């Protein structure tokens, strides 16, 4: 059987990595204690419909699938070979792939350009082999790729399910891998595609970005970089192109300190070059948002994906908190994030008056703790949100949830979705609670209402949405 065409004239070459019809898993294992056990196990659990060929020197079957001693013994030329053997065995398997006519490989093992002069020489030899045989290679030192739609997932961790979404990620290292259980469950990440580039011997961030910018199922792109291995001008051009198409790009660049740059060199062999301030300015000019930290990167990419097509054109925000003191703190946070406290008009105050205490109070920030001493919380939330939807001076809402609200039926949660339905972004926070830990919160996030464990994260998300809405 012939392999899928390496690259049709109308298709990016990475399509064959994300949508293989056949895959060889070299180094697959029957031992659940081995990391490579899940390379085949995840494909089965996630419902990958392509043909799977485990390759192992001694096993007859792996997880019920017939095993082959080498890639040369497989009865077809597979679309993709995932090479999960040791770094010493990797060059030999790559040579066998070349002799078999396989044109796409993922090289998992580390120990090459990041491991000193000997490793650099071996990687250079593999790069030569790849070029001479017209092979495209991800890695080495990479776990890739993931395509949620097709159930294709290369990971060392057991993954039972992935929620489909419109977020695609480009990583230069597997820093997401040990967090995968948390990201896909408690954190409530919704993914489309993921590619880990590793040492970028062949495929680099420019290739990956070029593919995702044209991917109709990708609306948000998250990029982790230790260095730019491809054409820097083309990288910036692609970000601008994505921004022009309405795609939101978040970039986390590590190695900005001298110590961090040295760590990147020893980790993936990446030589971090250039002034960090110049990089920061370039990201702003081309329409990308730079994440402040790894935590910020995950928070922003999740929030922007869950907001969906909503935009925040203005920076005027209504806030509602339980403690009055938290309202003051959140007001300060608004200013720090470049947002402002919305002014509510007299007509809006009249709408709020039925849930006032026996005296007049400000309309913004709203004191939930005070007003709930006098009125039913459901009536308060409904009155406040309806009033802010109609208030022309309010662009977005940031509202604190009470833990007891988790006891309310989903019908009550529908109150929070009204703002998003009317085109006004709303961010909620429930102290210390990740959204994936309760069905009501996940229900909200399916309806473009992201939920955060703190007001800082909620306001940072609104600020990011505002930034992209202005560009």
Protein backbone atom coordinates (compact mmCIF):
# COMPACT_ATOMS: atom_id res chain seq x y z
CA UNK A 1 0.00 0.00 0.00
CA UNK A 2 1.39 3.39 -0.97
CA UNK A 3 1.92 6.06 1.66
CA UNK A 4 -0.13 9.20 1.80
CA UNK A 5 1.38 11.79 -0.58
CA UNK A 6 4.14 13.70 1.17
CA UNK A 7 2.75 17.05 0.07
CA UNK A 8 -0.02 17.84 -2.38
CA UNK A 9 0.21 21.24 -4.02
CA UNK A 10 -2.68 22.47 -1.85
CA UNK A 11 -1.57 20.83 1.40
CA UNK A 12 1.03 21.79 3.99
CA UNK A 13 3.58 19.02 4.57
CA UNK A 14 2.66 18.86 8.28
CA UNK A 15 -0.82 17.59 7.38
CA UNK A 16 0.69 14.13 7.02
CA UNK A 17 1.99 14.30 10.59
CA UNK A 18 -1.34 15.36 12.05
CA UNK A 19 -3.52 13.14 9.85
CA UNK A 20 -1.62 9.91 9.14
CA UNK A 21 -3.59 6.97 7.84
CA UNK A 22 -0.87 4.57 9.02
CA UNK A 23 1.77 4.84 11.74
CA UNK A 24 4.67 2.75 12.95
CA UNK A 25 5.45 2.94 16.67
CA UNK A 26 9.07 1.86 16.97
CA UNK A 27 9.98 0.89 20.54
CA UNK A 28 6.40 0.19 21.62
CA UNK A 29 6.14 -1.82 24.83
CA UNK A 30 3.81 -4.26 26.60
CA UNK A 31 5.18 -3.15 29.97
CA UNK A 32 2.87 -0.58 31.63
CA UNK A 33 5.86 0.70 33.61
CA UNK A 34 7.67 1.76 30.44
CA UNK A 35 6.97 5.24 29.06
CA UNK A 36 6.57 3.84 25.54
CA UNK A 37 3.65 1.65 26.66
CA UNK A 38 1.27 4.57 26.19
CA UNK A 39 2.45 5.36 22.66
CA UNK A 40 0.18 2.58 21.39
CA UNK A 41 -2.24 2.54 24.34
CA UNK A 42 -3.35 6.15 23.83
CA UNK A 43 -4.06 5.61 20.13
CA UNK A 44 -6.35 2.73 21.02
CA UNK A 45 -8.16 4.54 23.85
CA UNK A 46 -8.67 7.74 21.89
CA UNK A 47 -10.12 5.91 18.90
CA UNK A 48 -7.44 6.52 16.27
CA UNK A 49 -8.83 4.90 13.14
CA UNK A 50 -5.60 4.64 11.18
CA UNK A 51 -3.50 1.49 10.89
CA UNK A 52 -1.10 0.97 13.82
CA UNK A 53 2.11 -1.02 13.43
CA UNK A 54 4.01 -1.60 16.70
CA UNK A 55 7.69 -2.38 16.11
CA UNK A 56 9.60 -4.47 18.67
CA UNK A 57 12.42 -6.97 18.30
CA UNK A 58 10.91 -9.72 20.47
CA UNK A 59 7.23 -9.11 21.22
CA UNK A 60 4.67 -10.89 19.04
CA UNK A 61 1.78 -8.59 19.96
CA UNK A 62 1.42 -5.31 21.81
CA UNK A 63 -1.99 -4.57 23.28
CA UNK A 64 -3.52 -7.08 20.92
CA UNK A 65 -1.92 -5.67 17.77
CA UNK A 66 0.53 -7.71 15.68
CA UNK A 67 4.12 -6.54 16.13
CA UNK A 68 6.91 -6.32 13.54
CA UNK A 69 10.64 -6.66 14.20
CA UNK A 70 11.65 -3.68 12.06
CA UNK A 71 9.94 -1.03 9.95
CA UNK A 72 11.19 -2.91 6.90
CA UNK A 73 8.94 -5.85 7.85
CA UNK A 74 5.76 -3.75 7.83
CA UNK A 75 3.66 -4.68 4.75
CA UNK A 76 3.22 -1.05 3.67
CA UNK A 77 5.19 2.17 3.65
CA UNK A 78 3.60 3.99 6.57
CA UNK A 79 2.70 7.69 6.54
CA UNK A 80 4.57 8.32 9.79
CA UNK A 81 7.14 6.52 11.93
CA UNK A 82 7.33 7.47 15.60
CA UNK A 83 10.77 6.41 16.78
CA UNK A 84 10.73 5.82 20.53
CA UNK A 85 13.97 3.89 21.04
CA UNK A 86 17.11 5.04 22.88
CA UNK A 87 19.33 7.76 21.45
CA UNK A 88 21.97 5.18 20.56
CA UNK A 89 19.49 3.14 18.49
CA UNK A 90 17.68 6.11 16.92
CA UNK A 91 20.09 6.77 14.00
CA UNK A 92 19.91 3.12 12.93
CA UNK A 93 16.11 3.10 12.95
CA UNK A 94 16.08 6.38 11.01
CA UNK A 95 18.29 4.73 8.37
CA UNK A 96 15.85 1.80 8.14
CA UNK A 97 13.00 4.28 7.65
CA UNK A 98 14.93 5.90 4.80
CA UNK A 99 15.55 2.53 3.18
CA UNK A 100 11.84 1.67 3.53
CA UNK A 101 10.84 4.94 1.84
CA UNK A 102 9.12 6.44 4.91
CA UNK A 103 8.97 10.21 4.50
CA UNK A 104 7.84 11.43 7.93
CA UNK A 105 9.38 10.63 11.31
CA UNK A 106 9.11 11.80 14.89
CA UNK A 107 12.31 11.33 16.88
CA UNK A 108 11.51 11.05 20.59
CA UNK A 109 14.90 10.38 22.20
CA UNK A 110 17.05 13.13 23.64
CA UNK A 111 20.82 13.09 23.95
CA UNK A 112 21.82 14.84 20.72
CA UNK A 113 22.62 18.53 20.16
CA UNK A 114 21.88 19.27 23.82
CA UNK A 115 24.38 16.66 25.03
CA UNK A 116 27.75 17.99 23.93
CA UNK A 117 29.93 17.74 20.83
CA UNK A 118 29.37 14.02 20.24
CA UNK A 119 25.60 14.46 20.35
CA UNK A 120 25.83 17.42 17.97
CA UNK A 121 27.79 15.30 15.47
CA UNK A 122 25.23 12.49 15.61
CA UNK A 123 22.37 14.94 15.14
CA UNK A 124 24.16 16.55 12.20
CA UNK A 125 24.52 13.12 10.61
CA UNK A 126 20.82 12.43 11.10
CA UNK A 127 20.01 15.83 9.58
CA UNK A 128 22.10 14.92 6.54
CA UNK A 129 20.28 11.60 6.23
CA UNK A 130 16.92 13.36 6.44
CA UNK A 131 17.84 15.88 3.72
CA UNK A 132 19.31 13.32 1.34
CA UNK A 133 16.22 11.11 1.56
CA UNK A 134 13.60 13.89 1.41
CA UNK A 135 12.33 13.01 4.89
CA UNK A 136 10.62 15.51 7.17
CA UNK A 137 11.46 15.02 10.84
CA UNK A 138 10.07 16.34 14.12
CA UNK A 139 12.62 16.33 16.94
CA UNK A 140 14.77 14.80 18.16
CA UNK A 141 13.90 15.19 21.85
CA UNK A 142 10.21 15.59 20.99
CA UNK A 143 6.83 13.97 21.65
CA UNK A 144 4.57 14.79 18.74
CA UNK A 145 2.01 15.34 17.44
CA UNK A 146 -1.52 15.44 18.86
CA UNK A 147 -4.66 15.83 16.75
CA UNK A 148 -7.76 15.60 18.92
CA UNK A 149 -10.19 15.28 16.02
CA UNK A 150 -8.61 12.06 14.75
CA UNK A 151 -7.65 10.60 18.14
CA UNK A 152 -3.96 10.74 17.24
CA UNK A 153 -1.87 11.37 20.34
CA UNK A 154 1.83 10.73 20.95
CA UNK A 155 2.44 10.97 24.70
CA UNK A 156 4.26 9.13 27.46
CA UNK A 157 1.30 9.63 29.81
CA UNK A 158 -1.96 7.70 29.85
CA UNK A 159 -4.62 9.90 28.29
CA UNK A 160 -8.20 8.67 28.42
CA UNK A 161 -9.86 11.62 26.70
CA UNK A 162 -9.18 15.12 25.36
CA UNK A 163 -11.89 17.76 25.09
CA UNK A 164 -12.00 19.13 21.54
CA UNK A 165 -11.55 22.86 21.07
CA UNK A 166 -9.98 25.51 18.87
CA UNK A 167 -6.62 25.89 20.66
CA UNK A 168 -3.45 24.63 19.00
CA UNK A 169 -0.06 24.63 20.71
CA UNK A 170 3.56 24.74 19.54
CA UNK A 171 6.17 23.74 22.12
CA UNK A 172 9.94 23.61 21.93
CA UNK A 173 10.05 21.15 24.80
CA UNK A 174 7.75 18.70 26.52
CA UNK A 175 7.07 21.03 29.45
CA UNK A 176 3.34 20.36 29.00
CA UNK A 177 3.84 16.58 29.25
CA UNK A 178 4.11 16.14 33.06
CA UNK A 179 1.14 18.52 33.40
CA UNK A 180 -1.04 16.74 30.86
CA UNK A 181 -3.30 15.07 33.44
CA UNK A 182 -4.01 18.38 35.17
CA UNK A 183 -4.36 20.37 31.94
CA UNK A 184 -6.86 17.97 30.39
CA UNK A 185 -8.90 17.43 33.54
CA UNK A 186 -8.96 19.94 36.42
CA UNK A 187 -7.75 22.81 34.22
CA UNK A 188 -10.38 22.02 31.57
CA UNK A 189 -8.15 22.57 28.55
CA UNK A 190 -9.87 22.13 25.17
CA UNK A 191 -7.41 21.30 22.39
CA UNK A 192 -7.30 21.04 18.64
CA UNK A 193 -3.67 20.22 17.82
CA UNK A 194 -0.27 20.14 19.54
CA UNK A 195 3.25 19.86 18.18
CA UNK A 196 6.44 19.52 20.25
CA UNK A 197 9.46 20.52 18.17
CA UNK A 198 12.28 19.46 20.49
CA UNK A 199 15.72 20.24 19.05
CA UNK A 200 14.25 21.45 15.73
CA UNK A 201 16.71 19.46 13.62
CA UNK A 202 14.30 19.83 10.68
CA UNK A 203 10.76 21.01 11.41
CA UNK A 204 10.78 24.33 13.26
CA UNK A 205 8.36 26.90 14.69
CA UNK A 206 7.97 28.68 11.35
CA UNK A 207 6.80 25.44 9.72
CA UNK A 208 4.38 24.75 12.56
CA UNK A 209 3.01 28.29 12.64
CA UNK A 210 2.57 28.31 8.87
CA UNK A 211 0.43 25.18 9.13
CA UNK A 212 -1.70 26.38 12.05
CA UNK A 213 -2.33 29.84 10.59
CA UNK A 214 -4.04 28.09 7.67
CA UNK A 215 -5.83 25.51 9.83
CA UNK A 216 -9.56 26.40 9.89
CA UNK A 217 -10.07 24.58 13.19
CA UNK A 218 -7.46 26.68 15.01
CA UNK A 219 -8.65 29.98 16.51
CA UNK A 220 -6.02 30.43 19.26
CA UNK A 221 -2.32 29.55 18.90
CA UNK A 222 0.00 29.17 21.88
CA UNK A 223 3.75 29.12 21.16
CA UNK A 224 6.55 28.23 23.58
CA UNK A 225 9.99 29.23 22.34
CA UNK A 226 13.52 28.91 23.63
CA UNK A 227 14.88 30.21 20.33
CA UNK A 228 13.76 30.93 16.79
CA UNK A 229 15.24 28.25 14.57
CA UNK A 230 13.59 29.30 11.32
CA UNK A 231 13.36 32.57 9.40
CA UNK A 232 12.58 35.25 12.00
CA UNK A 233 10.99 37.62 9.47
CA UNK A 234 8.72 34.87 8.20
CA UNK A 235 7.79 34.00 11.79
CA UNK A 236 6.63 37.58 12.40
CA UNK A 237 4.87 37.73 9.03
CA UNK A 238 2.90 34.61 9.91
CA UNK A 239 1.84 36.03 13.27
CA UNK A 240 0.62 39.17 11.50
CA UNK A 241 -1.22 37.02 8.96
CA UNK A 242 -2.88 35.03 11.73
CA UNK A 243 -3.87 38.23 13.53
CA UNK A 244 -5.40 39.59 10.31
CA UNK A 245 -7.49 36.42 10.12
CA UNK A 246 -8.69 36.87 13.71
CA UNK A 247 -6.44 34.21 15.23
CA UNK A 248 -5.09 35.06 18.68
CA UNK A 249 -1.43 34.20 19.26
CA UNK A 250 0.11 33.92 22.74
CA UNK A 251 3.90 33.52 22.98
CA UNK A 252 5.95 32.29 25.94
CA UNK A 253 9.64 32.85 25.35
CA UNK A 254 12.01 31.44 27.93
CA UNK A 255 15.75 31.97 28.19
CA UNK A 256 15.48 35.75 28.52
CA UNK A 257 17.97 35.90 31.38
CA UNK A 258 21.61 34.89 30.97
CA UNK A 259 21.10 31.91 33.27
CA UNK A 260 17.92 30.95 31.41
CA UNK A 261 19.71 31.10 28.06
CA UNK A 262 22.40 28.73 29.36
CA UNK A 263 19.70 26.36 30.65
CA UNK A 264 18.01 26.37 27.21
CA UNK A 265 21.33 25.50 25.56
CA UNK A 266 21.81 22.48 27.82
CA UNK A 267 18.17 21.39 27.50
CA UNK A 268 17.41 21.46 23.77
CA UNK A 269 20.68 22.77 22.40
CA UNK A 270 18.96 26.06 21.57
CA UNK A 271 21.19 29.10 21.33
CA UNK A 272 19.05 32.00 22.52
CA UNK A 273 20.08 35.11 20.63
CA UNK A 274 18.97 38.73 20.49
CA UNK A 275 17.78 41.40 22.87
CA UNK A 276 14.71 40.40 24.86
CA UNK A 277 13.25 43.91 24.72
CA UNK A 278 13.46 43.80 20.91
CA UNK A 279 11.59 40.50 20.93
CA UNK A 280 8.93 41.97 23.23
CA UNK A 281 8.41 44.95 20.90
CA UNK A 282 8.28 42.69 17.85
CA UNK A 283 5.52 40.60 19.42
CA UNK A 284 3.45 43.71 20.12
CA UNK A 285 3.92 45.08 16.62
CA UNK A 286 2.85 41.88 14.89
CA UNK A 287 -0.21 41.37 17.10
CA UNK A 288 0.89 38.61 19.50
CA UNK A 289 0.54 38.67 23.28
CA UNK A 290 3.56 37.64 25.32
CA UNK A 291 2.81 35.52 28.38
CA UNK A 292 4.52 36.54 31.60
CA UNK A 293 5.08 33.01 32.88
CA UNK A 294 4.26 29.38 32.20
CA UNK A 295 1.16 29.66 34.40
CA UNK A 296 0.11 32.80 32.56
CA UNK A 297 0.61 31.03 29.22
CA UNK A 298 -1.77 28.22 30.13
CA UNK A 299 -4.29 30.62 31.70
CA UNK A 300 -4.41 32.94 28.69
CA UNK A 301 -4.59 30.25 26.02
CA UNK A 302 -7.41 28.49 27.87
CA UNK A 303 -9.36 31.71 28.44
CA UNK A 304 -9.03 33.01 24.89
CA UNK A 305 -10.13 29.66 23.51
CA UNK A 306 -13.15 29.50 25.85
CA UNK A 307 -14.20 33.10 25.10
CA UNK A 308 -14.66 31.93 21.52
CA UNK A 309 -15.37 34.70 19.00
CA UNK A 310 -16.30 37.25 21.69
CA UNK A 311 -14.38 40.52 21.72
CA UNK A 312 -13.88 43.28 24.29
CA UNK A 313 -13.68 46.47 22.24
CA UNK A 314 -13.68 48.84 25.21
CA UNK A 315 -11.93 48.57 28.57
CA UNK A 316 -14.85 49.46 30.87
CA UNK A 317 -15.60 46.62 33.25
CA UNK A 318 -18.28 45.95 35.86
CA UNK A 319 -17.09 44.00 38.89
CA UNK A 320 -19.01 42.24 41.67
CA UNK A 321 -17.37 40.73 44.76
CA UNK A 322 -18.47 39.32 48.08
CA UNK A 323 -16.18 41.11 50.52
CA UNK A 324 -16.20 44.86 50.00
CA UNK A 325 -12.46 44.88 50.56
CA UNK A 326 -11.98 42.51 47.65
CA UNK A 327 -13.88 44.98 45.49
CA UNK A 328 -11.25 47.61 46.28
CA UNK A 329 -8.42 45.20 45.46
CA UNK A 330 -10.07 44.14 42.20
CA UNK A 331 -10.51 47.79 41.25
CA UNK A 332 -6.76 48.25 41.66
CA UNK A 333 -6.16 45.13 39.55
CA UNK A 334 -8.32 46.59 36.80
CA UNK A 335 -6.05 49.61 36.55
CA UNK A 336 -2.92 47.46 36.58
CA UNK A 337 -4.22 45.46 33.63
CA UNK A 338 -5.12 48.53 31.58
CA UNK A 339 -8.85 48.22 32.24
CA UNK A 340 -11.14 50.72 33.96
CA UNK A 341 -14.11 50.68 36.29
CA UNK A 342 -17.26 51.26 34.26
CA UNK A 343 -19.52 54.13 35.28
CA UNK A 344 -23.17 53.15 35.64
CA UNK A 345 -25.83 55.64 34.66
CA UNK A 346 -28.90 56.66 36.63
CA UNK A 347 -31.17 54.40 34.58
CA UNK A 348 -29.01 51.39 35.48
CA UNK A 349 -29.04 52.34 39.18
CA UNK A 350 -32.83 52.38 39.02
CA UNK A 351 -32.77 48.84 37.66
CA UNK A 352 -30.47 47.77 40.51
CA UNK A 353 -32.48 49.44 43.25
CA UNK A 354 -34.82 46.44 43.83
CA UNK A 355 -31.78 44.52 45.17
CA UNK A 356 -30.28 47.40 47.19
CA UNK A 357 -30.27 47.26 50.96
CA UNK A 358 -32.45 49.90 52.64
CA UNK A 359 -29.93 52.60 51.63
CA UNK A 360 -28.25 53.59 48.37
CA UNK A 361 -24.99 51.90 47.39
CA UNK A 362 -22.63 52.27 44.39
CA UNK A 363 -23.52 50.38 41.26
CA UNK A 364 -19.89 49.48 40.52
CA UNK A 365 -18.11 47.78 42.18
CA UNK A 366 -21.09 45.80 43.39
CA UNK A 367 -21.07 44.40 46.93
CA UNK A 368 -22.56 40.91 46.68
CA UNK A 369 -21.88 40.11 50.32
CA UNK A 370 -23.88 43.10 51.50
CA UNK A 371 -26.84 42.74 49.17
CA UNK A 372 -27.20 39.01 49.80
CA UNK A 373 -27.97 39.79 53.43
CA UNK A 374 -31.25 41.27 52.17
CA UNK A 375 -32.11 39.46 48.95
CA UNK A 376 -32.08 36.03 47.30
CA UNK A 377 -28.72 35.49 45.50
CA UNK A 378 -30.42 34.29 42.34
CA UNK A 379 -32.47 37.49 42.15
CA UNK A 380 -29.35 39.59 42.72
CA UNK A 381 -27.26 37.89 40.04
CA UNK A 382 -30.13 38.06 37.56
CA UNK A 383 -30.90 41.73 38.24
CA UNK A 384 -27.27 42.81 38.16
CA UNK A 385 -26.34 40.94 34.99
CA UNK A 386 -29.45 42.04 33.10
CA UNK A 387 -28.77 45.65 34.08
CA UNK A 388 -25.15 45.49 32.94
CA UNK A 389 -26.07 43.90 29.62
CA UNK A 390 -28.26 46.92 28.93
CA UNK A 391 -25.75 49.48 30.28
CA UNK A 392 -23.93 51.07 27.28
CA UNK A 393 -20.98 52.12 29.47
CA UNK A 394 -20.15 48.50 30.37
CA UNK A 395 -17.98 46.52 27.93
CA UNK A 396 -17.34 43.42 30.07
CA UNK A 397 -18.12 41.83 33.42
CA UNK A 398 -15.96 40.23 36.15
CA UNK A 399 -18.00 38.53 38.85
CA UNK A 400 -17.14 36.48 41.90
CA UNK A 401 -19.07 33.26 42.49
CA UNK A 402 -20.03 31.97 45.93
CA UNK A 403 -19.10 28.33 46.69
CA UNK A 404 -22.77 27.58 47.40
CA UNK A 405 -23.60 28.50 43.82
CA UNK A 406 -22.23 25.09 42.87
CA UNK A 407 -25.26 23.61 44.61
CA UNK A 408 -27.64 25.45 42.32
CA UNK A 409 -29.04 23.67 39.23
CA UNK A 410 -27.60 24.41 35.79
CA UNK A 411 -30.72 26.45 35.04
CA UNK A 412 -29.45 28.98 37.56
CA UNK A 413 -26.03 29.01 35.93
CA UNK A 414 -27.75 30.18 32.77
CA UNK A 415 -27.92 33.65 34.33
CA UNK A 416 -24.17 34.01 33.77
CA UNK A 417 -24.36 33.03 30.11
CA UNK A 418 -26.72 35.87 29.19
CA UNK A 419 -23.94 38.44 28.94
CA UNK A 420 -21.92 36.29 26.54
CA UNK A 421 -25.03 35.61 24.48
CA UNK A 422 -25.55 39.36 24.17
CA UNK A 423 -21.94 39.89 23.08
CA UNK A 424 -20.49 41.11 26.39
CA UNK A 425 -17.61 38.97 27.70
CA UNK A 426 -17.96 37.80 31.29
CA UNK A 427 -15.23 36.24 33.44
CA UNK A 428 -16.11 34.52 36.71
CA UNK A 429 -13.93 33.47 39.60
CA UNK A 430 -14.49 31.03 42.43
CA UNK A 431 -11.66 31.15 44.96
CA UNK A 432 -9.32 28.18 44.69
CA UNK A 433 -11.52 26.20 42.29
CA UNK A 434 -10.33 24.96 38.90
CA UNK A 435 -13.15 24.86 36.38
CA UNK A 436 -12.65 21.20 35.47
CA UNK A 437 -13.47 20.06 38.99
CA UNK A 438 -17.22 20.69 38.83
CA UNK A 439 -19.79 19.96 36.14
CA UNK A 440 -21.52 23.34 36.58
CA UNK A 441 -18.29 25.21 35.87
CA UNK A 442 -17.52 23.06 32.85
CA UNK A 443 -21.10 23.70 31.66
CA UNK A 444 -20.43 27.45 31.85
CA UNK A 445 -17.18 27.15 29.93
CA UNK A 446 -18.94 25.29 27.14
CA UNK A 447 -20.99 28.49 26.76
CA UNK A 448 -18.13 31.01 26.46
CA UNK A 449 -18.04 31.86 30.18
CA UNK A 450 -14.55 31.02 31.52
CA UNK A 451 -14.16 30.45 35.27
CA UNK A 452 -10.95 31.15 37.21
CA UNK A 453 -9.65 30.38 40.71
CA UNK A 454 -8.79 34.05 41.42
CA UNK A 455 -9.73 37.59 40.38
CA UNK A 456 -6.18 38.21 39.14
CA UNK A 457 -6.56 35.48 36.51
CA UNK A 458 -10.07 36.59 35.52
CA UNK A 459 -8.99 40.20 34.94
CA UNK A 460 -5.80 39.17 33.15
CA UNK A 461 -7.98 37.16 30.74
CA UNK A 462 -10.30 40.10 30.09
CA UNK A 463 -7.29 42.36 29.52
CA UNK A 464 -5.88 39.89 27.00
CA UNK A 465 -9.20 39.74 25.19
CA UNK A 466 -9.27 43.55 25.10
CA UNK A 467 -5.74 43.63 23.70
CA UNK A 468 -6.66 41.32 20.83
CA UNK A 469 -9.97 43.11 20.23
CA UNK A 470 -8.10 46.40 19.62
CA UNK A 471 -5.56 44.94 17.19
